[in-house]
Amino acid sequence: MRYFAVPLLLSGVLTILQGVAGIAKDRLYGVPRHYEYRFDLTSWGWIHLVVGVALVIVGVGMLRGTSWRRPAGVTAAAVSLVTQFMFIPYYPLWSISVMALDLIIVFGLARFTADA
């Protein structure tokens, strides 16, 4: 189970960087005009920062072998997957890359039962 800690930490760091760029109002992101989940980039930045910190905390917990590692890992990666999906119009390549990583994490944690 501990081998899923590295992808969780990677996803967390990438999401934190995405959040910091949003909070700093970086010109990296395009702002769509007609989008249902359109928030201010600062709001998206804080959302991604909180989700990224949660992913890092769960990744560290997974490395330490805590008892809550599997449900917390699945939950954090699933929340990250949904927020990345909602962020696709702002920066598609980054969001889809992190979504793929989150999907691998969710699948791996939900599927494999061996504890390594």
C-alpha atoms as a PDB file:
ATOM      1  CA  MET A   1       0.000   0.000   0.000  1.00  0.00           C
ATOM      2  CA  ARG A   2       2.897   2.374   0.649  1.00  0.00           C
ATOM      3  CA  TYR A   3       3.829   2.476  -3.033  1.00  0.00           C
ATOM      4  CA  PHE A   4       0.764   4.660  -3.635  1.00  0.00           C
ATOM      5  CA  ALA A   5       2.249   7.330  -1.367  1.00  0.00           C
ATOM      6  CA  VAL A   6       4.579   8.674  -4.053  1.00  0.00           C
ATOM      7  CA  PRO A   7       1.803   9.317  -6.619  1.00  0.00           C
ATOM      8  CA  LEU A   8      -0.282  10.934  -3.861  1.00  0.00           C
ATOM      9  CA  LEU A   9       2.590  13.202  -2.907  1.00  0.00           C
ATOM     10  CA  LEU A  10       3.246  14.045  -6.567  1.00  0.00           C
ATOM     11  CA  SER A  11      -0.411  14.852  -7.175  1.00  0.00           C
ATOM     12  CA  GLY A  12      -0.441  16.958  -4.020  1.00  0.00           C
ATOM     13  CA  VAL A  13       2.628  18.967  -5.005  1.00  0.00           C
ATOM     14  CA  LEU A  14       1.295  19.542  -8.533  1.00  0.00           C
ATOM     15  CA  THR A  15      -2.062  20.654  -7.137  1.00  0.00           C
ATOM     16  CA  ILE A  16      -0.364  22.989  -4.638  1.00  0.00           C
ATOM     17  CA  LEU A  17       1.620  24.573  -7.481  1.00  0.00           C
ATOM     18  CA  GLN A  18      -1.607  24.952  -9.434  1.00  0.00           C
ATOM     19  CA  GLY A  19      -3.229  26.600  -6.430  1.00  0.00           C
ATOM     20  CA  VAL A  20      -0.343  28.999  -5.827  1.00  0.00           C
ATOM     21  CA  ALA A  21      -0.439  30.068  -9.483  1.00  0.00           C
ATOM     22  CA  GLY A  22      -4.165  30.714  -9.163  1.00  0.00           C
ATOM     23  CA  ILE A  23      -3.817  32.700  -5.950  1.00  0.00           C
ATOM     24  CA  ALA A  24      -1.028  34.801  -7.465  1.00  0.00           C
ATOM     25  CA  LYS A  25      -3.354  35.607 -10.390  1.00  0.00           C
ATOM     26  CA  ASP A  26      -0.803  34.248 -12.808  1.00  0.00           C
ATOM     27  CA  ARG A  27      -1.419  34.820 -16.495  1.00  0.00           C
ATOM     28  CA  LEU A  28      -0.866  31.120 -17.034  1.00  0.00           C
ATOM     29  CA  TYR A  29      -4.581  30.364 -16.981  1.00  0.00           C
ATOM     30  CA  GLY A  30      -7.146  31.257 -19.589  1.00  0.00           C
ATOM     31  CA  VAL A  31     -10.530  32.381 -18.290  1.00  0.00           C
ATOM     32  CA  PRO A  32     -13.511  30.850 -20.101  1.00  0.00           C
ATOM     33  CA  ARG A  33     -16.485  33.100 -20.746  1.00  0.00           C
ATOM     34  CA  HIS A  34     -19.386  30.676 -20.570  1.00  0.00           C
ATOM     35  CA  TYR A  35     -18.730  28.002 -17.994  1.00  0.00           C
ATOM     36  CA  GLU A  36     -21.044  26.823 -15.232  1.00  0.00           C
ATOM     37  CA  TYR A  37     -18.335  26.275 -12.610  1.00  0.00           C
ATOM     38  CA  ARG A  38     -16.568  29.556 -13.319  1.00  0.00           C
ATOM     39  CA  PHE A  39     -15.043  31.001 -10.175  1.00  0.00           C
ATOM     40  CA  ASP A  40     -12.514  33.707  -9.689  1.00  0.00           C
ATOM     41  CA  LEU A  41      -8.987  32.351 -10.201  1.00  0.00           C
ATOM     42  CA  THR A  42      -8.171  33.217  -6.597  1.00  0.00           C
ATOM     43  CA  SER A  43     -11.055  30.993  -5.442  1.00  0.00           C
ATOM     44  CA  TRP A  44      -9.837  28.147  -7.637  1.00  0.00           C
ATOM     45  CA  GLY A  45      -6.344  28.735  -6.288  1.00  0.00           C
ATOM     46  CA  TRP A  46      -7.481  28.319  -2.689  1.00  0.00           C
ATOM     47  CA  ILE A  47      -9.524  25.236  -3.577  1.00  0.00           C
ATOM     48  CA  HIS A  48      -6.511  23.621  -5.243  1.00  0.00           C
ATOM     49  CA  LEU A  49      -4.207  24.651  -2.410  1.00  0.00           C
ATOM     50  CA  VAL A  50      -6.443  23.004   0.212  1.00  0.00           C
ATOM     51  CA  VAL A  51      -6.882  19.851  -1.870  1.00  0.00           C
ATOM     52  CA  GLY A  52      -3.131  19.696  -2.552  1.00  0.00           C
ATOM     53  CA  VAL A  53      -2.257  20.011   1.132  1.00  0.00           C
ATOM     54  CA  ALA A  54      -4.766  17.251   1.918  1.00  0.00           C
ATOM     55  CA  LEU A  55      -3.143  15.012  -0.703  1.00  0.00           C
ATOM     56  CA  VAL A  56       0.309  15.636   0.772  1.00  0.00           C
ATOM     57  CA  ILE A  57      -0.931  14.904   4.304  1.00  0.00           C
ATOM     58  CA  VAL A  58      -2.525  11.650   3.162  1.00  0.00           C
ATOM     59  CA  GLY A  59       0.630  10.736   1.223  1.00  0.00           C
ATOM     60  CA  VAL A  60       2.768  11.254   4.321  1.00  0.00           C
ATOM     61  CA  GLY A  61       0.260   9.236   6.345  1.00  0.00           C
ATOM     62  CA  MET A  62       0.499   6.469   3.792  1.00  0.00           C
ATOM     63  CA  LEU A  63       4.291   6.439   4.066  1.00  0.00           C
ATOM     64  CA  ARG A  64       3.989   6.143   7.838  1.00  0.00           C
ATOM     65  CA  GLY A  65       1.550   3.230   7.529  1.00  0.00           C
ATOM     66  CA  THR A  66      -1.399   4.791   9.350  1.00  0.00           C
ATOM     67  CA  SER A  67      -4.666   2.908   9.693  1.00  0.00           C
ATOM     68  CA  TRP A  68      -6.710   5.522   7.801  1.00  0.00           C
ATOM     69  CA  ARG A  69      -4.478   5.561   4.724  1.00  0.00           C
ATOM     70  CA  ARG A  70      -6.716   3.700   2.261  1.00  0.00           C
ATOM     71  CA  PRO A  71     -10.066   5.482   2.768  1.00  0.00           C
ATOM     72  CA  ALA A  72      -8.357   8.859   3.113  1.00  0.00           C
ATOM     73  CA  GLY A  73      -6.297   8.232  -0.019  1.00  0.00           C
ATOM     74  CA  VAL A  74      -9.303   7.233  -2.096  1.00  0.00           C
ATOM     75  CA  THR A  75     -11.313  10.198  -0.796  1.00  0.00           C
ATOM     76  CA  ALA A  76      -8.561  12.778  -1.316  1.00  0.00           C
ATOM     77  CA  ALA A  77      -7.713  11.516  -4.802  1.00  0.00           C
ATOM     78  CA  ALA A  78     -11.405  11.422  -5.766  1.00  0.00           C
ATOM     79  CA  VAL A  79     -11.934  14.998  -4.573  1.00  0.00           C
ATOM     80  CA  SER A  80      -8.836  16.053  -6.500  1.00  0.00           C
ATOM     81  CA  LEU A  81     -10.149  14.237  -9.576  1.00  0.00           C
ATOM     82  CA  VAL A  82     -13.442  16.135  -9.431  1.00  0.00           C
ATOM     83  CA  THR A  83     -11.805  19.528  -8.869  1.00  0.00           C
ATOM     84  CA  GLN A  84      -9.384  18.918 -11.734  1.00  0.00           C
ATOM     85  CA  PHE A  85     -12.291  17.938 -13.977  1.00  0.00           C
ATOM     86  CA  MET A  86     -14.051  21.193 -13.123  1.00  0.00           C
ATOM     87  CA  PHE A  87     -10.841  23.133 -13.845  1.00  0.00           C
ATOM     88  CA  ILE A  88     -10.312  21.735 -17.374  1.00  0.00           C
ATOM     89  CA  PRO A  89     -11.424  24.915 -19.224  1.00  0.00           C
ATOM     90  CA  TYR A  90      -8.789  26.987 -17.408  1.00  0.00           C
ATOM     91  CA  TYR A  91      -5.733  24.817 -18.155  1.00  0.00           C
ATOM     92  CA  PRO A  92      -6.654  21.552 -19.942  1.00  0.00           C
ATOM     93  CA  LEU A  93      -3.238  19.900 -20.266  1.00  0.00           C
ATOM     94  CA  TRP A  94      -2.316  20.288 -16.592  1.00  0.00           C
ATOM     95  CA  SER A  95      -5.767  19.264 -15.363  1.00  0.00           C
ATOM     96  CA  ILE A  96      -5.972  16.161 -17.533  1.00  0.00           C
ATOM     97  CA  SER A  97      -2.474  15.078 -16.483  1.00  0.00           C
ATOM     98  CA  VAL A  98      -3.290  15.380 -12.790  1.00  0.00           C
ATOM     99  CA  MET A  99      -6.666  13.709 -13.404  1.00  0.00           C
ATOM    100  CA  ALA A 100      -4.909  10.701 -14.937  1.00  0.00           C
ATOM    101  CA  LEU A 101      -2.625  10.470 -11.914  1.00  0.00           C
ATOM    102  CA  ASP A 102      -5.582  10.756  -9.527  1.00  0.00           C
ATOM    103  CA  LEU A 103      -7.476   8.086 -11.440  1.00  0.00           C
ATOM    104  CA  ILE A 104      -4.538   5.693 -11.141  1.00  0.00           C
ATOM    105  CA  ILE A 105      -4.402   6.390  -7.392  1.00  0.00           C
ATOM    106  CA  VAL A 106      -8.134   5.797  -6.900  1.00  0.00           C
ATOM    107  CA  PHE A 107      -8.052   2.609  -8.956  1.00  0.00           C
ATOM    108  CA  GLY A 108      -4.971   1.290  -7.205  1.00  0.00           C
ATOM    109  CA  LEU A 109      -6.162   2.017  -3.689  1.00  0.00           C
ATOM    110  CA  ALA A 110      -9.643   0.675  -4.352  1.00  0.00           C
ATOM    111  CA  ARG A 111      -8.500  -2.435  -6.208  1.00  0.00           C
ATOM    112  CA  PHE A 112      -5.394  -3.810  -4.563  1.00  0.00           C
ATOM    113  CA  THR A 113      -5.611  -5.282  -1.096  1.00  0.00           C
ATOM    114  CA  ALA A 114      -1.996  -6.338  -0.553  1.00  0.00           C
ATOM    115  CA  ASP A 115      -0.252  -4.283   2.080  1.00  0.00           C
ATOM    116  CA  ALA A 116       3.342  -3.539   1.111  1.00  0.00           C
END
